[in-house]
Every structure is written in C-alpha cells, then in structure tokens.
Amino acid sequence: MGSRRHPSPPTTLVFLVLLLCLFCAPRWAFSLSFNLNFSDPMAFSSIVIAGDASISPPTLELTKSERNTNIQDSFGRATYAHKVPLWSNPTGEVACFTTTFSFLITPDKASLPNTGDGMAFFLAHFPSVISPLSNGGGLGLLPRAANDGGLPNNTDATGDSRIVAVEFDTYDNSAYRDINGNHVGIDVNSLISAASTDTTTSPGKNLTSLHVMKATVKYHNESKMLAVHLVIGDALYQVNATIDLRKCLPEEVAVGFSGATGTVAELHQILSWSFSSTLQVESKKEAHPPLNLLFQFQPLAATSTKSWYPS
C-alpha cells in the first residue's frame, strides 16, 4: 500500500518566505551627513557662495566684511555644494534632519545703536539662486516687499523661489510684522514668520551682544515639527512650527545660509556647520547598491558621507 508524502515543515516555511519576498521588496533609506569647520580652508570646497558672501577662514562671511569700505545694502548666500534629498515621491516619505551651526553677528559701530538686518538658515530649490532685491529686510532669502522698497504685489514665494528658513532677525521691520528688532523666526515661503520668539528676554544675551551663538534645527517627519534651539551664553531660546515640507519644497533642495544688511549694517559669520538627514526612498527593484556605500568629500574638519542601507 503506497503512502502519501507531505512537504516537511522546513520546506513549507522556506516556500512561504520566498513567496513573501516576491511581494515585499525592501525599502531603502538614504543617509547624508557632513561636518564643516571653517577654521580649516579645506571645508570651503564643500561650499558654494553667491552675492556678497565670501570665504575668509576661520569664518564663512555671508555679507560684505569689514575689509570693505561700505558694508551697507549687502546680501549673500552660502550653500552646501550638493543637492539634498528632502522627500520621496514614490513612498511619500519626508526626511528627518538635524543641523547645528555656530555663528556670530557683529554690529557695525557706525550703525549703533541700530542693527540690521540679519541672517538665516534655509532650504530652497537646488541650485540656490539669490534675488538682487533681497538686501535689507529680504535677508538674502526673498525680494523685499513693496512697502519695504521692493517689488509690488510681492506675496508668498512660488515655483523655484519657494523657501523654508529660520531667520535670526536683528531689525524691526513692520513690512514683515516683526515682533521686535531681535528675534528668531520660522519662515515658510514668506518673510512674514509663521512663528517667532523674542531673543532679548535674557539681559546681555541676544543676537547682537557679541556672543558666539549655537543653533540647532531639527525636523521630525512624523510630527512635521520644525524645532529651533538657540544658545547664547547660558540663555536658551526656542521656537517651533508644524510644517509639511513635502507641500512647501521640491524633492531635492539646497541647504545653507543667507544674510543681508540695509541702511544699517553688521557682519554675519558662520564658524562651523554640521548636517545629517535620513530619508526612506522607493523599493529597489533593480540591483541593490552596495551596503554602506560611502563618498568621502573632505577629511577631518570637512567631512561628508552618503550611504544607502535597508530599513
């Protein structure tokens, strides 16, 4: 009498796993990080400057420096030389990122007690293009409004002009509904801040008090929260806003800094800058890239890495 043979449990399990793999291609994550110290001249090979920005170790100057005879009506940008993936259209995922930078704002003695106009960290279309009307209250971000001597009907930014920024504003400009002349604000396609905080509440610890400042900007993709921490001496200032970056910016962006002066002036100097981000990208149907693929742009003080890894 013949006997019926059944697949052994291990064989059945292997078959089910293989079947599952056919329908569940792995998703991959893209990771980017760099760490730049501008006391090292090699760091500047990872930076692209525009407008009046200049390279001057140990600092990155965002506007005209004191070596110039006139530092008024100046504007400039400095960005990371490579595009940064911000969100993935196939998956709908948005990157998480953290950036930290140290900087100094030094008022022009000839302008005191007035200061202006300020600087910003921003994300924008790649490659970054600076507007010739972004001096003064434009902060090197957007053209000034009509009631600030700029363009008529200048409202929210669109197209390649879209921008999300953290402004360190040192001039009280009513055209942009500033809360005062010394504050941190979060700007979303507009020079009118979506959220802001007063940076004068700790005596002697404000944006223009000649302290080297340290700012950390974090974005969490699930909560859509952009959070800013600014440390000046022993004072901590914080501001945050909920922003869906996928609706505000293109898939790949430029990241960097801008600054501007108007009829009053100051220096805007970046001393160091680190940035890291992680983004879930589409399932790889083609051959997977090598795990832990690294691109080393700069050693030591100016390092940048990119890597693919399964999530």
C-alpha atoms as a PDB file:
ATOM      1  CA  MET A   1       0.000   0.000   0.000  1.00  0.00           C
ATOM      2  CA  GLY A   2       1.528   3.305  -1.095  1.00  0.00           C
ATOM      3  CA  SER A   3       1.962   6.224   1.259  1.00  0.00           C
ATOM      4  CA  ARG A   4       1.258   9.920   0.630  1.00  0.00           C
ATOM      5  CA  ARG A   5       4.200  12.230   1.129  1.00  0.00           C
ATOM      6  CA  HIS A   6       3.759  15.681   2.635  1.00  0.00           C
ATOM      7  CA  PRO A   7       6.242  18.597   2.482  1.00  0.00           C
ATOM      8  CA  SER A   8       8.318  18.750   5.563  1.00  0.00           C
ATOM      9  CA  PRO A   9       7.757  21.844   7.765  1.00  0.00           C
ATOM     10  CA  PRO A  10      11.143  23.398   6.882  1.00  0.00           C
ATOM     11  CA  THR A  11      10.392  23.105   3.146  1.00  0.00           C
ATOM     12  CA  THR A  12       6.991  24.721   3.585  1.00  0.00           C
ATOM     13  CA  LEU A  13       8.488  27.542   5.615  1.00  0.00           C
ATOM     14  CA  VAL A  14      11.147  28.271   3.003  1.00  0.00           C
ATOM     15  CA  PHE A  15       8.484  28.362   0.279  1.00  0.00           C
ATOM     16  CA  LEU A  16       6.370  30.836   2.233  1.00  0.00           C
ATOM     17  CA  VAL A  17       9.343  33.096   2.903  1.00  0.00           C
ATOM     18  CA  LEU A  18      10.292  33.118  -0.779  1.00  0.00           C
ATOM     19  CA  LEU A  19       6.703  33.862  -1.758  1.00  0.00           C
ATOM     20  CA  LEU A  20       6.552  36.734   0.694  1.00  0.00           C
ATOM     21  CA  CYS A  21       9.779  38.191  -0.687  1.00  0.00           C
ATOM     22  CA  LEU A  22       8.235  38.380  -4.155  1.00  0.00           C
ATOM     23  CA  PHE A  23       5.622  40.830  -2.889  1.00  0.00           C
ATOM     24  CA  CYS A  24       7.640  42.690  -0.285  1.00  0.00           C
ATOM     25  CA  ALA A  25      10.660  44.305  -1.842  1.00  0.00           C
ATOM     26  CA  PRO A  26      12.688  46.074   0.833  1.00  0.00           C
ATOM     27  CA  ARG A  27      12.552  49.808   1.205  1.00  0.00           C
ATOM     28  CA  TRP A  28      15.837  51.627   1.397  1.00  0.00           C
ATOM     29  CA  ALA A  29      16.984  54.672   3.301  1.00  0.00           C
ATOM     30  CA  PHE A  30      19.297  57.409   2.079  1.00  0.00           C
ATOM     31  CA  SER A  31      21.559  58.944   4.713  1.00  0.00           C
ATOM     32  CA  LEU A  32      23.599  62.134   4.333  1.00  0.00           C
ATOM     33  CA  SER A  33      25.901  63.803   6.837  1.00  0.00           C
ATOM     34  CA  PHE A  34      28.677  66.354   6.830  1.00  0.00           C
ATOM     35  CA  ASN A  35      30.669  68.307   9.385  1.00  0.00           C
ATOM     36  CA  LEU A  36      32.429  71.517   8.352  1.00  0.00           C
ATOM     37  CA  ASN A  37      34.775  73.606  10.480  1.00  0.00           C
ATOM     38  CA  PHE A  38      35.613  76.835   8.702  1.00  0.00           C
ATOM     39  CA  SER A  39      38.914  77.250  10.516  1.00  0.00           C
ATOM     40  CA  ASP A  40      40.115  74.618   8.021  1.00  0.00           C
ATOM     41  CA  PRO A  41      40.366  76.042   4.464  1.00  0.00           C
ATOM     42  CA  MET A  42      39.531  72.586   3.067  1.00  0.00           C
ATOM     43  CA  ALA A  43      35.986  72.963   4.393  1.00  0.00           C
ATOM     44  CA  PHE A  44      35.192  75.562   1.765  1.00  0.00           C
ATOM     45  CA  SER A  45      35.458  73.049  -1.081  1.00  0.00           C
ATOM     46  CA  SER A  46      32.014  71.833   0.018  1.00  0.00           C
ATOM     47  CA  ILE A  47      30.508  75.341  -0.113  1.00  0.00           C
ATOM     48  CA  VAL A  48      29.091  77.437  -2.967  1.00  0.00           C
ATOM     49  CA  ILE A  49      28.827  81.192  -2.388  1.00  0.00           C
ATOM     50  CA  ALA A  50      26.696  83.828  -4.116  1.00  0.00           C
ATOM     51  CA  GLY A  51      26.151  87.566  -3.868  1.00  0.00           C
ATOM     52  CA  ASP A  52      28.412  89.241  -1.311  1.00  0.00           C
ATOM     53  CA  ALA A  53      29.228  86.053   0.615  1.00  0.00           C
ATOM     54  CA  SER A  54      32.937  85.322   0.895  1.00  0.00           C
ATOM     55  CA  ILE A  55      35.401  82.753   2.166  1.00  0.00           C
ATOM     56  CA  SER A  56      37.566  84.102   4.953  1.00  0.00           C
ATOM     57  CA  PRO A  57      38.994  81.430   7.301  1.00  0.00           C
ATOM     58  CA  PRO A  58      38.220  80.942  10.140  1.00  0.00           C
ATOM     59  CA  THR A  59      34.754  82.168   9.120  1.00  0.00           C
ATOM     60  CA  LEU A  60      32.289  81.991   6.280  1.00  0.00           C
ATOM     61  CA  GLU A  61      31.102  85.570   5.649  1.00  0.00           C
ATOM     62  CA  LEU A  62      27.504  85.916   4.460  1.00  0.00           C
ATOM     63  CA  THR A  63      27.609  89.650   3.707  1.00  0.00           C
ATOM     64  CA  LYS A  64      30.277  92.242   2.949  1.00  0.00           C
ATOM     65  CA  SER A  65      33.021  92.113   5.555  1.00  0.00           C
ATOM     66  CA  GLU A  66      34.752  94.881   7.477  1.00  0.00           C
ATOM     67  CA  ARG A  67      37.525  94.836   4.889  1.00  0.00           C
ATOM     68  CA  ASN A  68      35.103  96.586   2.556  1.00  0.00           C
ATOM     69  CA  THR A  69      34.635 100.336   2.779  1.00  0.00           C
ATOM     70  CA  ASN A  70      30.844 100.080   2.712  1.00  0.00           C
ATOM     71  CA  ILE A  71      29.010  97.093   4.154  1.00  0.00           C
ATOM     72  CA  GLN A  72      25.508  98.551   3.778  1.00  0.00           C
ATOM     73  CA  ASP A  73      22.905  97.171   1.353  1.00  0.00           C
ATOM     74  CA  SER A  74      24.673  93.831   1.146  1.00  0.00           C
ATOM     75  CA  PHE A  75      23.257  90.341   0.607  1.00  0.00           C
ATOM     76  CA  GLY A  76      24.761  86.901   0.155  1.00  0.00           C
ATOM     77  CA  ARG A  77      24.241  83.149   0.326  1.00  0.00           C
ATOM     78  CA  ALA A  78      26.424  80.146   1.097  1.00  0.00           C
ATOM     79  CA  THR A  79      25.122  76.642   0.411  1.00  0.00           C
ATOM     80  CA  TYR A  80      26.272  73.045   0.565  1.00  0.00           C
ATOM     81  CA  ALA A  81      27.632  72.158  -2.869  1.00  0.00           C
ATOM     82  CA  HIS A  82      25.405  69.108  -3.390  1.00  0.00           C
ATOM     83  CA  LYS A  83      21.640  68.670  -3.566  1.00  0.00           C
ATOM     84  CA  VAL A  84      19.972  67.141  -0.514  1.00  0.00           C
ATOM     85  CA  PRO A  85      17.054  64.665  -0.922  1.00  0.00           C
ATOM     86  CA  LEU A  86      14.110  66.029   1.091  1.00  0.00           C
ATOM     87  CA  TRP A  87      11.201  63.768   0.201  1.00  0.00           C
ATOM     88  CA  SER A  88      10.427  60.752  -1.987  1.00  0.00           C
ATOM     89  CA  ASN A  89       7.560  60.848  -4.455  1.00  0.00           C
ATOM     90  CA  PRO A  90       7.208  57.016  -4.740  1.00  0.00           C
ATOM     91  CA  THR A  91       6.948  56.479  -0.982  1.00  0.00           C
ATOM     92  CA  GLY A  92       5.590  59.854   0.145  1.00  0.00           C
ATOM     93  CA  GLU A  93       8.214  59.850   2.882  1.00  0.00           C
ATOM     94  CA  VAL A  94       9.874  63.068   4.071  1.00  0.00           C
ATOM     95  CA  ALA A  95      13.385  63.216   5.504  1.00  0.00           C
ATOM     96  CA  CYS A  96      14.236  63.747   9.141  1.00  0.00           C
ATOM     97  CA  PHE A  97      17.172  66.095   9.609  1.00  0.00           C
ATOM     98  CA  THR A  98      19.264  67.815  12.252  1.00  0.00           C
ATOM     99  CA  THR A  99      21.647  70.691  11.679  1.00  0.00           C
ATOM    100  CA  THR A 100      23.844  72.547  14.161  1.00  0.00           C
ATOM    101  CA  PHE A 101      25.923  75.644  13.495  1.00  0.00           C
ATOM    102  CA  SER A 102      27.890  78.226  15.430  1.00  0.00           C
ATOM    103  CA  PHE A 103      27.819  81.831  14.291  1.00  0.00           C
ATOM    104  CA  LEU A 104      28.483  85.436  15.239  1.00  0.00           C
ATOM    105  CA  ILE A 105      26.687  88.679  14.387  1.00  0.00           C
ATOM    106  CA  THR A 106      28.772  91.828  14.885  1.00  0.00           C
ATOM    107  CA  PRO A 107      27.028  95.216  14.524  1.00  0.00           C
ATOM    108  CA  ASP A 108      28.805  97.938  12.564  1.00  0.00           C
ATOM    109  CA  LYS A 109      29.972 100.570  15.065  1.00  0.00           C
ATOM    110  CA  ALA A 110      28.883 103.308  12.681  1.00  0.00           C
ATOM    111  CA  SER A 111      25.308 101.969  12.780  1.00  0.00           C
ATOM    112  CA  LEU A 112      24.916 101.608  16.540  1.00  0.00           C
ATOM    113  CA  PRO A 113      22.595 101.603  18.395  1.00  0.00           C
ATOM    114  CA  ASN A 114      20.730 100.383  15.308  1.00  0.00           C
ATOM    115  CA  THR A 115      21.434  96.914  13.904  1.00  0.00           C
ATOM    116  CA  GLY A 116      20.345  95.007  10.842  1.00  0.00           C
ATOM    117  CA  ASP A 117      19.207  93.179   9.067  1.00  0.00           C
ATOM    118  CA  GLY A 118      20.014  89.581   9.964  1.00  0.00           C
ATOM    119  CA  MET A 119      20.776  86.105   8.617  1.00  0.00           C
ATOM    120  CA  ALA A 120      19.042  82.771   8.119  1.00  0.00           C
ATOM    121  CA  PHE A 121      19.439  79.034   7.687  1.00  0.00           C
ATOM    122  CA  PHE A 122      17.330  77.866   4.751  1.00  0.00           C
ATOM    123  CA  LEU A 123      16.176  75.064   2.476  1.00  0.00           C
ATOM    124  CA  ALA A 124      15.344  76.022  -1.110  1.00  0.00           C
ATOM    125  CA  HIS A 125      15.374  74.947  -4.741  1.00  0.00           C
ATOM    126  CA  PHE A 126      18.664  73.472  -5.972  1.00  0.00           C
ATOM    127  CA  PRO A 127      20.734  75.160  -7.228  1.00  0.00           C
ATOM    128  CA  SER A 128      20.238  78.144  -4.966  1.00  0.00           C
ATOM    129  CA  VAL A 129      19.594  81.444  -6.771  1.00  0.00           C
ATOM    130  CA  ILE A 130      19.725  84.722  -4.851  1.00  0.00           C
ATOM    131  CA  SER A 131      17.442  87.630  -5.755  1.00  0.00           C
ATOM    132  CA  PRO A 132      19.093  91.020  -6.465  1.00  0.00           C
ATOM    133  CA  LEU A 133      16.339  92.649  -4.374  1.00  0.00           C
ATOM    134  CA  SER A 134      16.922  90.540  -1.264  1.00  0.00           C
ATOM    135  CA  ASN A 135      19.073  93.033   0.642  1.00  0.00           C
ATOM    136  CA  GLY A 136      17.781  94.648   3.837  1.00  0.00           C
ATOM    137  CA  GLY A 137      14.600  93.011   5.082  1.00  0.00           C
ATOM    138  CA  GLY A 138      14.847  90.380   2.348  1.00  0.00           C
ATOM    139  CA  LEU A 139      17.563  88.684   4.453  1.00  0.00           C
ATOM    140  CA  GLY A 140      19.059  87.221   1.274  1.00  0.00           C
ATOM    141  CA  LEU A 141      16.004  84.939   1.123  1.00  0.00           C
ATOM    142  CA  LEU A 142      13.330  86.682  -0.942  1.00  0.00           C
ATOM    143  CA  PRO A 143      12.826  90.007  -2.735  1.00  0.00           C
ATOM    144  CA  ARG A 144      11.771  92.812  -0.430  1.00  0.00           C
ATOM    145  CA  ALA A 145       8.080  93.695  -0.277  1.00  0.00           C
ATOM    146  CA  ALA A 146       6.681  96.843  -1.882  1.00  0.00           C
ATOM    147  CA  ASN A 147       6.306  98.577   1.486  1.00  0.00           C
ATOM    148  CA  ASP A 148       9.984  97.804   2.100  1.00  0.00           C
ATOM    149  CA  GLY A 149      11.159  99.392  -1.138  1.00  0.00           C
ATOM    150  CA  GLY A 150      10.851  96.177  -3.107  1.00  0.00           C
ATOM    151  CA  LEU A 151       8.547  94.516  -5.626  1.00  0.00           C
ATOM    152  CA  PRO A 152       4.838  95.368  -5.936  1.00  0.00           C
ATOM    153  CA  ASN A 153       2.405  92.542  -5.188  1.00  0.00           C
ATOM    154  CA  ASN A 154       5.201  90.525  -3.611  1.00  0.00           C
ATOM    155  CA  THR A 155       3.351  87.892  -1.585  1.00  0.00           C
ATOM    156  CA  ASP A 156       4.146  84.244  -0.965  1.00  0.00           C
ATOM    157  CA  ALA A 157       7.005  82.626  -2.861  1.00  0.00           C
ATOM    158  CA  THR A 158       6.141  80.140  -5.610  1.00  0.00           C
ATOM    159  CA  GLY A 159       7.965  77.821  -8.005  1.00  0.00           C
ATOM    160  CA  ASP A 160      11.740  77.836  -7.738  1.00  0.00           C
ATOM    161  CA  SER A 161      11.578  80.752  -5.266  1.00  0.00           C
ATOM    162  CA  ARG A 162       9.991  78.599  -2.557  1.00  0.00           C
ATOM    163  CA  ILE A 163      11.939  78.582   0.671  1.00  0.00           C
ATOM    164  CA  VAL A 164      11.721  77.446   4.294  1.00  0.00           C
ATOM    165  CA  ALA A 165      14.029  79.294   6.656  1.00  0.00           C
ATOM    166  CA  VAL A 166      14.966  80.002  10.238  1.00  0.00           C
ATOM    167  CA  GLU A 167      15.700  83.714  10.471  1.00  0.00           C
ATOM    168  CA  PHE A 168      17.905  85.429  13.026  1.00  0.00           C
ATOM    169  CA  ASP A 169      16.444  88.891  12.566  1.00  0.00           C
ATOM    170  CA  THR A 170      18.117  91.986  14.008  1.00  0.00           C
ATOM    171  CA  TYR A 171      15.890  94.712  12.570  1.00  0.00           C
ATOM    172  CA  ASP A 172      12.290  95.568  13.457  1.00  0.00           C
ATOM    173  CA  ASN A 173      10.597  95.696  10.078  1.00  0.00           C
ATOM    174  CA  SER A 174       6.873  96.432  10.091  1.00  0.00           C
ATOM    175  CA  ALA A 175       6.587  95.296   6.463  1.00  0.00           C
ATOM    176  CA  TYR A 176       7.015  91.719   7.718  1.00  0.00           C
ATOM    177  CA  ARG A 177       5.133  92.089  11.032  1.00  0.00           C
ATOM    178  CA  ASP A 178       8.288  91.525  13.073  1.00  0.00           C
ATOM    179  CA  ILE A 179       7.720  91.162  16.808  1.00  0.00           C
ATOM    180  CA  ASN A 180      10.800  93.325  17.526  1.00  0.00           C
ATOM    181  CA  GLY A 181      14.317  94.034  16.304  1.00  0.00           C
ATOM    182  CA  ASN A 182      15.932  90.955  17.862  1.00  0.00           C
ATOM    183  CA  HIS A 183      14.178  87.636  17.321  1.00  0.00           C
ATOM    184  CA  VAL A 184      14.270  84.163  15.792  1.00  0.00           C
ATOM    185  CA  GLY A 185      11.523  83.292  13.334  1.00  0.00           C
ATOM    186  CA  ILE A 186      10.444  80.390  11.137  1.00  0.00           C
ATOM    187  CA  ASP A 187       9.578  81.457   7.588  1.00  0.00           C
ATOM    188  CA  VAL A 188       7.559  79.361   5.133  1.00  0.00           C
ATOM    189  CA  ASN A 189       7.609  80.824   1.614  1.00  0.00           C
ATOM    190  CA  SER A 190       7.228  84.285   3.086  1.00  0.00           C
ATOM    191  CA  LEU A 191       9.204  86.880   5.033  1.00  0.00           C
ATOM    192  CA  ILE A 192       6.301  87.044   7.485  1.00  0.00           C
ATOM    193  CA  SER A 193       7.250  84.453  10.088  1.00  0.00           C
ATOM    194  CA  ALA A 194       4.900  81.579  10.873  1.00  0.00           C
ATOM    195  CA  ALA A 195       6.326  81.533  14.411  1.00  0.00           C
ATOM    196  CA  SER A 196       8.883  83.634  16.268  1.00  0.00           C
ATOM    197  CA  THR A 197      10.441  84.184  19.670  1.00  0.00           C
ATOM    198  CA  ASP A 198      11.940  87.232  21.362  1.00  0.00           C
ATOM    199  CA  THR A 199      15.707  86.892  21.908  1.00  0.00           C
ATOM    200  CA  THR A 200      16.057  89.791  24.345  1.00  0.00           C
ATOM    201  CA  THR A 201      14.500  88.197  27.423  1.00  0.00           C
ATOM    202  CA  SER A 202      17.898  87.313  28.952  1.00  0.00           C
ATOM    203  CA  PRO A 203      19.815  90.566  29.607  1.00  0.00           C
ATOM    204  CA  GLY A 204      23.035  90.789  27.603  1.00  0.00           C
ATOM    205  CA  LYS A 205      22.276  87.522  25.776  1.00  0.00           C
ATOM    206  CA  ASN A 206      20.779  88.489  22.420  1.00  0.00           C
ATOM    207  CA  LEU A 207      21.609  88.186  18.733  1.00  0.00           C
ATOM    208  CA  THR A 208      23.852  91.263  18.670  1.00  0.00           C
ATOM    209  CA  SER A 209      25.529  91.005  22.085  1.00  0.00           C
ATOM    210  CA  LEU A 210      28.801  89.730  20.527  1.00  0.00           C
ATOM    211  CA  HIS A 211      28.463  86.167  21.815  1.00  0.00           C
ATOM    212  CA  VAL A 212      29.313  83.204  19.616  1.00  0.00           C
ATOM    213  CA  MET A 213      25.917  81.539  19.280  1.00  0.00           C
ATOM    214  CA  LYS A 214      24.965  77.918  18.667  1.00  0.00           C
ATOM    215  CA  ALA A 215      21.757  76.970  16.897  1.00  0.00           C
ATOM    216  CA  THR A 216      20.236  73.533  16.379  1.00  0.00           C
ATOM    217  CA  VAL A 217      17.408  72.997  13.908  1.00  0.00           C
ATOM    218  CA  LYS A 218      15.569  69.658  13.858  1.00  0.00           C
ATOM    219  CA  TYR A 219      12.784  68.361  11.641  1.00  0.00           C
ATOM    220  CA  HIS A 220      10.765  65.263  12.560  1.00  0.00           C
ATOM    221  CA  ASN A 221       8.864  63.837   9.627  1.00  0.00           C
ATOM    222  CA  GLU A 222       6.074  62.090  11.552  1.00  0.00           C
ATOM    223  CA  SER A 223       5.075  65.103  13.640  1.00  0.00           C
ATOM    224  CA  LYS A 224       6.074  67.557  10.862  1.00  0.00           C
ATOM    225  CA  MET A 225       7.636  69.647  13.620  1.00  0.00           C
ATOM    226  CA  LEU A 226      10.477  72.040  12.836  1.00  0.00           C
ATOM    227  CA  ALA A 227      12.141  72.932  16.146  1.00  0.00           C
ATOM    228  CA  VAL A 228      14.831  75.535  16.765  1.00  0.00           C
ATOM    229  CA  HIS A 229      17.090  75.807  19.831  1.00  0.00           C
ATOM    230  CA  LEU A 230      19.393  78.815  20.102  1.00  0.00           C
ATOM    231  CA  VAL A 231      22.024  79.037  22.839  1.00  0.00           C
ATOM    232  CA  ILE A 232      23.575  82.420  23.655  1.00  0.00           C
ATOM    233  CA  GLY A 233      25.891  82.148  26.644  1.00  0.00           C
ATOM    234  CA  ASP A 234      23.760  80.430  29.283  1.00  0.00           C
ATOM    235  CA  ALA A 235      20.483  81.577  27.716  1.00  0.00           C
ATOM    236  CA  LEU A 236      18.278  79.223  25.695  1.00  0.00           C
ATOM    237  CA  TYR A 237      15.699  80.435  23.176  1.00  0.00           C
ATOM    238  CA  GLN A 238      13.261  78.079  21.452  1.00  0.00           C
ATOM    239  CA  VAL A 239      10.686  78.277  18.686  1.00  0.00           C
ATOM    240  CA  ASN A 240       8.894  75.652  16.615  1.00  0.00           C
ATOM    241  CA  ALA A 241       6.275  75.295  13.909  1.00  0.00           C
ATOM    242  CA  THR A 242       4.385  72.470  12.227  1.00  0.00           C
ATOM    243  CA  ILE A 243       5.306  72.348   8.529  1.00  0.00           C
ATOM    244  CA  ASP A 244       4.658  69.729   5.842  1.00  0.00           C
ATOM    245  CA  LEU A 245       7.874  70.156   3.871  1.00  0.00           C
ATOM    246  CA  ARG A 246       6.535  67.967   1.069  1.00  0.00           C
ATOM    247  CA  LYS A 247       3.947  70.662   0.307  1.00  0.00           C
ATOM    248  CA  CYS A 248       6.418  73.537   0.607  1.00  0.00           C
ATOM    249  CA  LEU A 249       9.575  72.454  -1.222  1.00  0.00           C
ATOM    250  CA  PRO A 250      10.797  70.288  -4.136  1.00  0.00           C
ATOM    251  CA  GLU A 251      12.047  66.718  -3.670  1.00  0.00           C
ATOM    252  CA  GLU A 252      15.701  67.784  -3.692  1.00  0.00           C
ATOM    253  CA  VAL A 253      16.858  71.015  -2.089  1.00  0.00           C
ATOM    254  CA  ALA A 254      19.772  73.285  -1.410  1.00  0.00           C
ATOM    255  CA  VAL A 255      20.647  73.840   2.248  1.00  0.00           C
ATOM    256  CA  GLY A 256      22.659  76.761   3.530  1.00  0.00           C
ATOM    257  CA  PHE A 257      22.723  80.273   4.899  1.00  0.00           C
ATOM    258  CA  SER A 258      21.864  83.781   3.792  1.00  0.00           C
ATOM    259  CA  GLY A 259      22.392  87.238   5.222  1.00  0.00           C
ATOM    260  CA  ALA A 260      21.638  90.860   4.414  1.00  0.00           C
ATOM    261  CA  THR A 261      22.195  94.436   5.509  1.00  0.00           C
ATOM    262  CA  GLY A 262      20.329  97.619   4.633  1.00  0.00           C
ATOM    263  CA  THR A 263      20.883 101.212   5.662  1.00  0.00           C
ATOM    264  CA  VAL A 264      22.351  99.871   8.902  1.00  0.00           C
ATOM    265  CA  ALA A 265      24.889  97.076   8.835  1.00  0.00           C
ATOM    266  CA  GLU A 266      26.578  94.203  10.642  1.00  0.00           C
ATOM    267  CA  LEU A 267      28.785  91.190   9.961  1.00  0.00           C
ATOM    268  CA  HIS A 268      27.264  87.703   9.641  1.00  0.00           C
ATOM    269  CA  GLN A 269      29.839  84.958  10.191  1.00  0.00           C
ATOM    270  CA  ILE A 270      29.460  81.152  10.292  1.00  0.00           C
ATOM    271  CA  LEU A 271      32.197  79.343  12.244  1.00  0.00           C
ATOM    272  CA  SER A 272      31.117  75.694  11.924  1.00  0.00           C
ATOM    273  CA  TRP A 273      28.255  73.664  10.478  1.00  0.00           C
ATOM    274  CA  SER A 274      27.096  70.065  10.724  1.00  0.00           C
ATOM    275  CA  PHE A 275      24.128  68.466   8.980  1.00  0.00           C
ATOM    276  CA  SER A 276      22.616  64.977   8.937  1.00  0.00           C
ATOM    277  CA  SER A 277      19.463  63.581   7.350  1.00  0.00           C
ATOM    278  CA  THR A 278      17.774  60.258   6.642  1.00  0.00           C
ATOM    279  CA  LEU A 279      15.103  59.626   4.011  1.00  0.00           C
ATOM    280  CA  GLN A 280      13.123  56.483   3.171  1.00  0.00           C
ATOM    281  CA  VAL A 281      13.240  56.017  -0.606  1.00  0.00           C
ATOM    282  CA  GLU A 282      11.439  53.728  -3.060  1.00  0.00           C
ATOM    283  CA  SER A 283      11.796  49.966  -3.115  1.00  0.00           C
ATOM    284  CA  LYS A 284      14.757  48.907  -5.198  1.00  0.00           C
ATOM    285  CA  LYS A 285      13.542  46.574  -7.968  1.00  0.00           C
ATOM    286  CA  GLU A 286      16.881  46.860  -9.705  1.00  0.00           C
ATOM    287  CA  ALA A 287      20.131  45.567  -8.268  1.00  0.00           C
ATOM    288  CA  HIS A 288      20.711  46.959  -4.828  1.00  0.00           C
ATOM    289  CA  PRO A 289      23.575  49.387  -4.387  1.00  0.00           C
ATOM    290  CA  PRO A 290      26.402  48.162  -2.180  1.00  0.00           C
ATOM    291  CA  LEU A 291      25.649  48.378   1.512  1.00  0.00           C
ATOM    292  CA  ASN A 292      27.359  51.213   3.355  1.00  0.00           C
ATOM    293  CA  LEU A 293      28.416  52.922   0.128  1.00  0.00           C
ATOM    294  CA  LEU A 294      30.449  55.919   1.242  1.00  0.00           C
ATOM    295  CA  PHE A 295      31.637  59.009  -0.588  1.00  0.00           C
ATOM    296  CA  GLN A 296      34.342  60.870   1.302  1.00  0.00           C
ATOM    297  CA  PHE A 297      34.388  64.500   0.183  1.00  0.00           C
ATOM    298  CA  GLN A 298      36.688  66.007   2.792  1.00  0.00           C
ATOM    299  CA  PRO A 299      38.788  64.590   5.635  1.00  0.00           C
ATOM    300  CA  LEU A 300      38.814  65.705   9.247  1.00  0.00           C
ATOM    301  CA  ALA A 301      37.347  69.190   9.598  1.00  0.00           C
ATOM    302  CA  ALA A 302      35.326  68.970   6.393  1.00  0.00           C
ATOM    303  CA  THR A 303      33.694  65.577   6.090  1.00  0.00           C
ATOM    304  CA  SER A 304      30.658  64.422   4.165  1.00  0.00           C
ATOM    305  CA  THR A 305      29.203  60.938   3.840  1.00  0.00           C
ATOM    306  CA  LYS A 306      26.323  59.417   1.932  1.00  0.00           C
ATOM    307  CA  SER A 307      25.102  55.885   2.443  1.00  0.00           C
ATOM    308  CA  TRP A 308      22.373  53.502   1.375  1.00  0.00           C
ATOM    309  CA  TYR A 309      21.079  50.957   3.813  1.00  0.00           C
ATOM    310  CA  PRO A 310      17.953  48.775   4.085  1.00  0.00           C
ATOM    311  CA  SER A 311      15.291  49.858   6.534  1.00  0.00           C
END
